[in-house]
């Protein structure tokens, strides 16, 4: 249960990325009658991309990490603890306030991409794949989730099922906003505008607190495995 809760939190953290929330919000803010199909197709594409990439990584990383864990034994969990603490400490050096111009520039680029792709379902699929590829190098929550899964000894089928659940949770916030936009119409526009404004200011600097949260979960898992809080 603790593992599933950790994975759910990491998936919700992944749901706040540019590809999984900022782009959907831009699509929801487009004027005129909202059609759900383009956004659902976009989210399905990015979820399948994450699932496929995650399964490939887990396929290679799982046996590797299991081998390392078996050879290092307890030392492996101490290394995991050190990595978690390092990521958590590094997060404090990535202050979002230091890079406001970078965030605004990135926000403008993505807004232009969305406006160009919004009128074509095929272009939205390409946009989803582009977002996934560009974020692949910084998908720290997802990589953290795969690292946690690799230590469980789950079968490939179970790992794929868990990753599918992760990807579903990852797109749930965007789907929830879609439902609100369809049911409440323009009354939800102020909320979408605030979300859009937050991304425009903090998209780049958000990497810091993402690293901090991933570091916390890795350290917490290592502490649990090492029994450091077991005083029996």
C-alpha atoms as a PDB file:
ATOM      1  CA  UNK A   1       0.000   0.000   0.000  1.00  0.00           C
ATOM      2  CA  UNK A   2       2.877   2.396   0.814  1.00  0.00           C
ATOM      3  CA  UNK A   3       4.407   1.754  -2.609  1.00  0.00           C
ATOM      4  CA  UNK A   4       1.126   2.383  -4.416  1.00  0.00           C
ATOM      5  CA  UNK A   5       0.598   5.607  -2.473  1.00  0.00           C
ATOM      6  CA  UNK A   6       4.102   6.767  -3.384  1.00  0.00           C
ATOM      7  CA  UNK A   7       3.480   5.940  -7.049  1.00  0.00           C
ATOM      8  CA  UNK A   8       0.146   7.794  -6.984  1.00  0.00           C
ATOM      9  CA  UNK A   9       1.815  10.916  -5.575  1.00  0.00           C
ATOM     10  CA  UNK A  10       4.571  10.738  -8.186  1.00  0.00           C
ATOM     11  CA  UNK A  11       1.958  10.291 -10.941  1.00  0.00           C
ATOM     12  CA  UNK A  12       0.074  13.371  -9.736  1.00  0.00           C
ATOM     13  CA  UNK A  13       3.379  15.226  -9.715  1.00  0.00           C
ATOM     14  CA  UNK A  14       3.917  14.117 -13.327  1.00  0.00           C
ATOM     15  CA  UNK A  15       0.416  15.386 -14.128  1.00  0.00           C
ATOM     16  CA  UNK A  16       1.638  18.971 -13.630  1.00  0.00           C
ATOM     17  CA  UNK A  17       4.178  18.932 -16.465  1.00  0.00           C
ATOM     18  CA  UNK A  18       3.949  21.029 -19.604  1.00  0.00           C
ATOM     19  CA  UNK A  19       2.801  18.089 -21.697  1.00  0.00           C
ATOM     20  CA  UNK A  20       0.205  16.756 -19.270  1.00  0.00           C
ATOM     21  CA  UNK A  21      -1.343  19.978 -17.967  1.00  0.00           C
ATOM     22  CA  UNK A  22      -0.095  23.178 -19.593  1.00  0.00           C
ATOM     23  CA  UNK A  23      -0.857  22.067 -23.155  1.00  0.00           C
ATOM     24  CA  UNK A  24      -4.326  20.690 -22.196  1.00  0.00           C
ATOM     25  CA  UNK A  25      -5.142  23.955 -20.415  1.00  0.00           C
ATOM     26  CA  UNK A  26      -4.179  25.923 -23.525  1.00  0.00           C
ATOM     27  CA  UNK A  27      -6.493  23.710 -25.564  1.00  0.00           C
ATOM     28  CA  UNK A  28      -9.309  24.213 -23.058  1.00  0.00           C
ATOM     29  CA  UNK A  29      -8.862  28.003 -23.206  1.00  0.00           C
ATOM     30  CA  UNK A  30      -9.428  28.152 -26.952  1.00  0.00           C
ATOM     31  CA  UNK A  31     -12.506  30.227 -27.783  1.00  0.00           C
ATOM     32  CA  UNK A  32     -15.583  28.689 -29.324  1.00  0.00           C
ATOM     33  CA  UNK A  33     -17.371  25.400 -28.816  1.00  0.00           C
ATOM     34  CA  UNK A  34     -15.194  22.819 -27.102  1.00  0.00           C
ATOM     35  CA  UNK A  35     -14.832  19.395 -28.670  1.00  0.00           C
ATOM     36  CA  UNK A  36     -13.593  16.752 -26.239  1.00  0.00           C
ATOM     37  CA  UNK A  37     -12.203  14.394 -28.885  1.00  0.00           C
ATOM     38  CA  UNK A  38      -8.991  16.341 -29.755  1.00  0.00           C
ATOM     39  CA  UNK A  39      -7.950  16.714 -26.120  1.00  0.00           C
ATOM     40  CA  UNK A  40      -8.800  13.107 -25.266  1.00  0.00           C
ATOM     41  CA  UNK A  41      -6.778  11.968 -28.291  1.00  0.00           C
ATOM     42  CA  UNK A  42      -3.873  14.160 -27.202  1.00  0.00           C
ATOM     43  CA  UNK A  43      -3.930  12.794 -23.634  1.00  0.00           C
ATOM     44  CA  UNK A  44      -4.266   9.200 -24.852  1.00  0.00           C
ATOM     45  CA  UNK A  45      -1.224   9.675 -27.093  1.00  0.00           C
ATOM     46  CA  UNK A  46       0.988  11.107 -24.365  1.00  0.00           C
ATOM     47  CA  UNK A  47      -0.162   8.439 -21.885  1.00  0.00           C
ATOM     48  CA  UNK A  48       0.631   5.618 -24.325  1.00  0.00           C
ATOM     49  CA  UNK A  49       4.002   7.228 -25.075  1.00  0.00           C
ATOM     50  CA  UNK A  50       4.851   7.368 -21.363  1.00  0.00           C
ATOM     51  CA  UNK A  51       3.664   3.781 -20.870  1.00  0.00           C
ATOM     52  CA  UNK A  52       5.740   2.435 -23.777  1.00  0.00           C
ATOM     53  CA  UNK A  53       8.841   4.376 -22.745  1.00  0.00           C
ATOM     54  CA  UNK A  54       8.429   3.388 -19.108  1.00  0.00           C
ATOM     55  CA  UNK A  55       8.028  -0.293 -19.959  1.00  0.00           C
ATOM     56  CA  UNK A  56      11.153  -0.238 -22.134  1.00  0.00           C
ATOM     57  CA  UNK A  57      13.124   1.441 -19.332  1.00  0.00           C
ATOM     58  CA  UNK A  58      11.758  -0.981 -16.733  1.00  0.00           C
ATOM     59  CA  UNK A  59      12.561  -3.910 -19.026  1.00  0.00           C
ATOM     60  CA  UNK A  60      16.201  -2.895 -19.067  1.00  0.00           C
ATOM     61  CA  UNK A  61      16.515  -1.294 -15.660  1.00  0.00           C
ATOM     62  CA  UNK A  62      14.649  -3.965 -13.711  1.00  0.00           C
ATOM     63  CA  UNK A  63      17.128  -6.847 -14.123  1.00  0.00           C
ATOM     64  CA  UNK A  64      20.038  -4.414 -13.852  1.00  0.00           C
ATOM     65  CA  UNK A  65      18.844  -2.898 -10.595  1.00  0.00           C
ATOM     66  CA  UNK A  66      17.886  -6.282  -9.200  1.00  0.00           C
ATOM     67  CA  UNK A  67      21.388  -7.534  -9.976  1.00  0.00           C
ATOM     68  CA  UNK A  68      22.970  -4.501  -8.388  1.00  0.00           C
ATOM     69  CA  UNK A  69      20.707  -4.833  -5.354  1.00  0.00           C
ATOM     70  CA  UNK A  70      21.554  -8.515  -4.901  1.00  0.00           C
ATOM     71  CA  UNK A  71      25.293  -7.886  -5.227  1.00  0.00           C
ATOM     72  CA  UNK A  72      25.375  -4.794  -3.027  1.00  0.00           C
ATOM     73  CA  UNK A  73      22.789  -5.950  -0.523  1.00  0.00           C
ATOM     74  CA  UNK A  74      22.193  -3.361   2.175  1.00  0.00           C
ATOM     75  CA  UNK A  75      24.776  -1.071   0.577  1.00  0.00           C
ATOM     76  CA  UNK A  76      22.408  -0.555  -2.371  1.00  0.00           C
ATOM     77  CA  UNK A  77      19.752   0.941  -0.110  1.00  0.00           C
ATOM     78  CA  UNK A  78      22.337   3.213   1.480  1.00  0.00           C
ATOM     79  CA  UNK A  79      23.227   4.428  -2.016  1.00  0.00           C
ATOM     80  CA  UNK A  80      19.518   4.971  -2.732  1.00  0.00           C
ATOM     81  CA  UNK A  81      19.266   6.978   0.493  1.00  0.00           C
ATOM     82  CA  UNK A  82      22.283   9.067  -0.502  1.00  0.00           C
ATOM     83  CA  UNK A  83      20.810   9.710  -3.961  1.00  0.00           C
ATOM     84  CA  UNK A  84      17.487  10.767  -2.430  1.00  0.00           C
ATOM     85  CA  UNK A  85      19.168  13.154   0.003  1.00  0.00           C
ATOM     86  CA  UNK A  86      21.338  14.547  -2.821  1.00  0.00           C
ATOM     87  CA  UNK A  87      18.308  15.229  -5.030  1.00  0.00           C
ATOM     88  CA  UNK A  88      16.440  16.795  -2.123  1.00  0.00           C
ATOM     89  CA  UNK A  89      19.395  19.065  -1.332  1.00  0.00           C
ATOM     90  CA  UNK A  90      19.883  19.963  -5.002  1.00  0.00           C
ATOM     91  CA  UNK A  91      16.251  21.075  -5.260  1.00  0.00           C
ATOM     92  CA  UNK A  92      16.952  24.060  -3.005  1.00  0.00           C
ATOM     93  CA  UNK A  93      19.536  25.365  -5.487  1.00  0.00           C
ATOM     94  CA  UNK A  94      17.020  25.497  -8.334  1.00  0.00           C
ATOM     95  CA  UNK A  95      15.061  28.546  -7.242  1.00  0.00           C
ATOM     96  CA  UNK A  96      12.176  29.308  -9.660  1.00  0.00           C
ATOM     97  CA  UNK A  97      12.641  33.044  -9.027  1.00  0.00           C
ATOM     98  CA  UNK A  98      16.055  32.961 -10.697  1.00  0.00           C
ATOM     99  CA  UNK A  99      14.691  31.995 -14.115  1.00  0.00           C
ATOM    100  CA  UNK A 100      11.428  33.907 -14.762  1.00  0.00           C
ATOM    101  CA  UNK A 101      12.472  34.957 -18.274  1.00  0.00           C
ATOM    102  CA  UNK A 102      13.216  31.357 -19.296  1.00  0.00           C
ATOM    103  CA  UNK A 103       9.792  30.240 -18.060  1.00  0.00           C
ATOM    104  CA  UNK A 104       7.981  33.006 -19.947  1.00  0.00           C
ATOM    105  CA  UNK A 105       9.896  32.272 -23.143  1.00  0.00           C
ATOM    106  CA  UNK A 106       9.130  28.558 -22.875  1.00  0.00           C
ATOM    107  CA  UNK A 107       5.482  29.343 -22.191  1.00  0.00           C
ATOM    108  CA  UNK A 108       5.267  31.461 -25.347  1.00  0.00           C
ATOM    109  CA  UNK A 109       6.855  28.718 -27.455  1.00  0.00           C
ATOM    110  CA  UNK A 110       4.381  26.120 -26.236  1.00  0.00           C
ATOM    111  CA  UNK A 111       1.461  28.481 -26.751  1.00  0.00           C
ATOM    112  CA  UNK A 112       2.515  28.954 -30.378  1.00  0.00           C
ATOM    113  CA  UNK A 113       2.863  25.189 -30.849  1.00  0.00           C
ATOM    114  CA  UNK A 114      -0.599  24.543 -29.430  1.00  0.00           C
ATOM    115  CA  UNK A 115      -2.248  27.218 -31.580  1.00  0.00           C
ATOM    116  CA  UNK A 116      -0.665  25.757 -34.716  1.00  0.00           C
ATOM    117  CA  UNK A 117      -1.623  22.168 -33.879  1.00  0.00           C
ATOM    118  CA  UNK A 118      -5.080  22.704 -32.357  1.00  0.00           C
ATOM    119  CA  UNK A 119      -7.022  22.548 -35.625  1.00  0.00           C
ATOM    120  CA  UNK A 120      -5.742  19.126 -36.698  1.00  0.00           C
ATOM    121  CA  UNK A 121      -6.065  15.815 -34.768  1.00  0.00           C
ATOM    122  CA  UNK A 122      -2.933  14.528 -36.498  1.00  0.00           C
ATOM    123  CA  UNK A 123      -1.011  17.641 -35.466  1.00  0.00           C
ATOM    124  CA  UNK A 124      -2.156  17.145 -31.864  1.00  0.00           C
ATOM    125  CA  UNK A 125      -0.799  13.598 -31.911  1.00  0.00           C
ATOM    126  CA  UNK A 126       2.529  14.946 -33.177  1.00  0.00           C
ATOM    127  CA  UNK A 127       2.389  17.638 -30.472  1.00  0.00           C
ATOM    128  CA  UNK A 128       1.822  14.983 -27.791  1.00  0.00           C
ATOM    129  CA  UNK A 129       4.798  12.952 -29.027  1.00  0.00           C
ATOM    130  CA  UNK A 130       6.905  16.113 -29.180  1.00  0.00           C
ATOM    131  CA  UNK A 131       5.996  16.977 -25.590  1.00  0.00           C
ATOM    132  CA  UNK A 132       6.825  13.454 -24.457  1.00  0.00           C
ATOM    133  CA  UNK A 133      10.182  13.431 -26.219  1.00  0.00           C
ATOM    134  CA  UNK A 134      11.180  16.880 -24.958  1.00  0.00           C
ATOM    135  CA  UNK A 135      10.267  15.969 -21.394  1.00  0.00           C
ATOM    136  CA  UNK A 136      11.831  12.502 -21.498  1.00  0.00           C
ATOM    137  CA  UNK A 137      15.125  13.760 -20.107  1.00  0.00           C
ATOM    138  CA  UNK A 138      13.447  15.483 -17.154  1.00  0.00           C
ATOM    139  CA  UNK A 139      10.705  12.998 -16.229  1.00  0.00           C
ATOM    140  CA  UNK A 140      12.137  12.639 -12.727  1.00  0.00           C
ATOM    141  CA  UNK A 141       8.906  11.474 -11.048  1.00  0.00           C
ATOM    142  CA  UNK A 142       8.435   8.733 -13.634  1.00  0.00           C
ATOM    143  CA  UNK A 143      12.046   7.597 -13.368  1.00  0.00           C
ATOM    144  CA  UNK A 144      11.689   7.598  -9.591  1.00  0.00           C
ATOM    145  CA  UNK A 145       8.549   5.471  -9.887  1.00  0.00           C
ATOM    146  CA  UNK A 146      10.334   3.000 -12.174  1.00  0.00           C
ATOM    147  CA  UNK A 147      13.229   2.814  -9.702  1.00  0.00           C
ATOM    148  CA  UNK A 148      10.798   2.019  -6.881  1.00  0.00           C
ATOM    149  CA  UNK A 149       9.093  -0.627  -9.017  1.00  0.00           C
ATOM    150  CA  UNK A 150      12.398  -2.215  -9.999  1.00  0.00           C
ATOM    151  CA  UNK A 151      13.066  -3.179  -6.399  1.00  0.00           C
ATOM    152  CA  UNK A 152       9.763  -5.008  -5.939  1.00  0.00           C
ATOM    153  CA  UNK A 153      10.501  -8.063  -8.072  1.00  0.00           C
ATOM    154  CA  UNK A 154       7.166  -7.710  -9.887  1.00  0.00           C
ATOM    155  CA  UNK A 155       6.622  -9.711 -13.076  1.00  0.00           C
ATOM    156  CA  UNK A 156       6.656  -7.852 -16.394  1.00  0.00           C
ATOM    157  CA  UNK A 157       2.868  -8.154 -16.635  1.00  0.00           C
ATOM    158  CA  UNK A 158       2.387  -6.657 -13.158  1.00  0.00           C
ATOM    159  CA  UNK A 159       4.919  -3.912 -13.876  1.00  0.00           C
ATOM    160  CA  UNK A 160       3.095  -3.029 -17.116  1.00  0.00           C
ATOM    161  CA  UNK A 161      -0.243  -2.936 -15.270  1.00  0.00           C
ATOM    162  CA  UNK A 162       1.154  -0.669 -12.545  1.00  0.00           C
ATOM    163  CA  UNK A 163       2.731   1.637 -15.130  1.00  0.00           C
ATOM    164  CA  UNK A 164      -0.596   1.783 -17.005  1.00  0.00           C
ATOM    165  CA  UNK A 165      -2.303   2.823 -13.777  1.00  0.00           C
ATOM    166  CA  UNK A 166       0.422   5.421 -13.220  1.00  0.00           C
ATOM    167  CA  UNK A 167      -0.149   6.904 -16.687  1.00  0.00           C
ATOM    168  CA  UNK A 168      -3.909   6.977 -16.113  1.00  0.00           C
ATOM    169  CA  UNK A 169      -3.498   8.890 -12.845  1.00  0.00           C
ATOM    170  CA  UNK A 170      -1.041  11.187 -14.641  1.00  0.00           C
ATOM    171  CA  UNK A 171      -3.702  12.428 -17.095  1.00  0.00           C
ATOM    172  CA  UNK A 172      -6.631  12.468 -14.647  1.00  0.00           C
ATOM    173  CA  UNK A 173      -6.258  16.162 -13.637  1.00  0.00           C
ATOM    174  CA  UNK A 174      -6.405  17.245 -17.295  1.00  0.00           C
ATOM    175  CA  UNK A 175      -9.439  15.002 -17.859  1.00  0.00           C
ATOM    176  CA  UNK A 176     -11.074  16.473 -14.751  1.00  0.00           C
ATOM    177  CA  UNK A 177     -10.543  19.986 -16.133  1.00  0.00           C
ATOM    178  CA  UNK A 178     -12.080  18.835 -19.421  1.00  0.00           C
ATOM    179  CA  UNK A 179     -15.192  17.598 -17.591  1.00  0.00           C
ATOM    180  CA  UNK A 180     -15.423  20.902 -15.693  1.00  0.00           C
ATOM    181  CA  UNK A 181     -15.027  22.873 -18.920  1.00  0.00           C
ATOM    182  CA  UNK A 182     -17.763  20.815 -20.603  1.00  0.00           C
ATOM    183  CA  UNK A 183     -20.192  21.091 -17.690  1.00  0.00           C
ATOM    184  CA  UNK A 184     -19.487  24.602 -16.403  1.00  0.00           C
ATOM    185  CA  UNK A 185     -18.512  26.195 -19.723  1.00  0.00           C
ATOM    186  CA  UNK A 186     -17.005  29.668 -19.332  1.00  0.00           C
ATOM    187  CA  UNK A 187     -17.450  29.634 -15.552  1.00  0.00           C
ATOM    188  CA  UNK A 188     -14.277  27.555 -15.252  1.00  0.00           C
ATOM    189  CA  UNK A 189     -12.261  29.921 -17.455  1.00  0.00           C
ATOM    190  CA  UNK A 190     -10.818  31.943 -14.512  1.00  0.00           C
ATOM    191  CA  UNK A 191      -9.414  28.737 -13.010  1.00  0.00           C
ATOM    192  CA  UNK A 192      -7.854  27.715 -16.319  1.00  0.00           C
ATOM    193  CA  UNK A 193      -6.426  31.206 -16.749  1.00  0.00           C
ATOM    194  CA  UNK A 194      -4.769  31.037 -13.320  1.00  0.00           C
ATOM    195  CA  UNK A 195      -3.252  27.636 -14.100  1.00  0.00           C
ATOM    196  CA  UNK A 196      -1.990  28.965 -17.427  1.00  0.00           C
ATOM    197  CA  UNK A 197      -0.473  32.009 -15.715  1.00  0.00           C
ATOM    198  CA  UNK A 198       1.277  29.865 -13.120  1.00  0.00           C
ATOM    199  CA  UNK A 199       2.920  27.756 -15.815  1.00  0.00           C
ATOM    200  CA  UNK A 200       4.014  30.854 -17.691  1.00  0.00           C
ATOM    201  CA  UNK A 201       5.913  32.024 -14.594  1.00  0.00           C
ATOM    202  CA  UNK A 202       7.167  28.786 -13.058  1.00  0.00           C
ATOM    203  CA  UNK A 203       7.470  26.125 -15.773  1.00  0.00           C
ATOM    204  CA  UNK A 204      11.272  26.042 -15.799  1.00  0.00           C
ATOM    205  CA  UNK A 205      11.906  26.556 -12.090  1.00  0.00           C
ATOM    206  CA  UNK A 206       9.419  23.836 -11.162  1.00  0.00           C
ATOM    207  CA  UNK A 207      12.190  21.313 -11.791  1.00  0.00           C
ATOM    208  CA  UNK A 208      13.546  22.180  -8.356  1.00  0.00           C
ATOM    209  CA  UNK A 209      10.575  21.125  -6.286  1.00  0.00           C
ATOM    210  CA  UNK A 210      10.024  18.092  -8.514  1.00  0.00           C
ATOM    211  CA  UNK A 211      13.572  16.952  -7.707  1.00  0.00           C
ATOM    212  CA  UNK A 212      12.898  17.559  -4.033  1.00  0.00           C
ATOM    213  CA  UNK A 213       9.774  15.394  -3.966  1.00  0.00           C
ATOM    214  CA  UNK A 214      11.385  12.575  -5.957  1.00  0.00           C
ATOM    215  CA  UNK A 215      14.396  12.712  -3.648  1.00  0.00           C
ATOM    216  CA  UNK A 216      12.113  12.477  -0.638  1.00  0.00           C
ATOM    217  CA  UNK A 217      10.377   9.342  -1.924  1.00  0.00           C
ATOM    218  CA  UNK A 218      13.662   7.630  -2.807  1.00  0.00           C
ATOM    219  CA  UNK A 219      15.067   8.448   0.626  1.00  0.00           C
ATOM    220  CA  UNK A 220      11.862   7.317   2.337  1.00  0.00           C
ATOM    221  CA  UNK A 221      11.920   4.002   0.475  1.00  0.00           C
ATOM    222  CA  UNK A 222      15.561   3.435   1.454  1.00  0.00           C
ATOM    223  CA  UNK A 223      14.831   4.285   5.094  1.00  0.00           C
ATOM    224  CA  UNK A 224      11.950   1.791   5.074  1.00  0.00           C
ATOM    225  CA  UNK A 225      14.029  -0.957   3.459  1.00  0.00           C
ATOM    226  CA  UNK A 226      16.880  -0.376   5.897  1.00  0.00           C
ATOM    227  CA  UNK A 227      14.523  -0.370   8.872  1.00  0.00           C
ATOM    228  CA  UNK A 228      16.045   2.840  10.209  1.00  0.00           C
ATOM    229  CA  UNK A 229      12.746   3.844  11.820  1.00  0.00           C
ATOM    230  CA  UNK A 230      12.059   0.383  13.229  1.00  0.00           C
ATOM    231  CA  UNK A 231      12.717   0.648  16.934  1.00  0.00           C
ATOM    232  CA  UNK A 232      11.400  -2.803  17.891  1.00  0.00           C
END
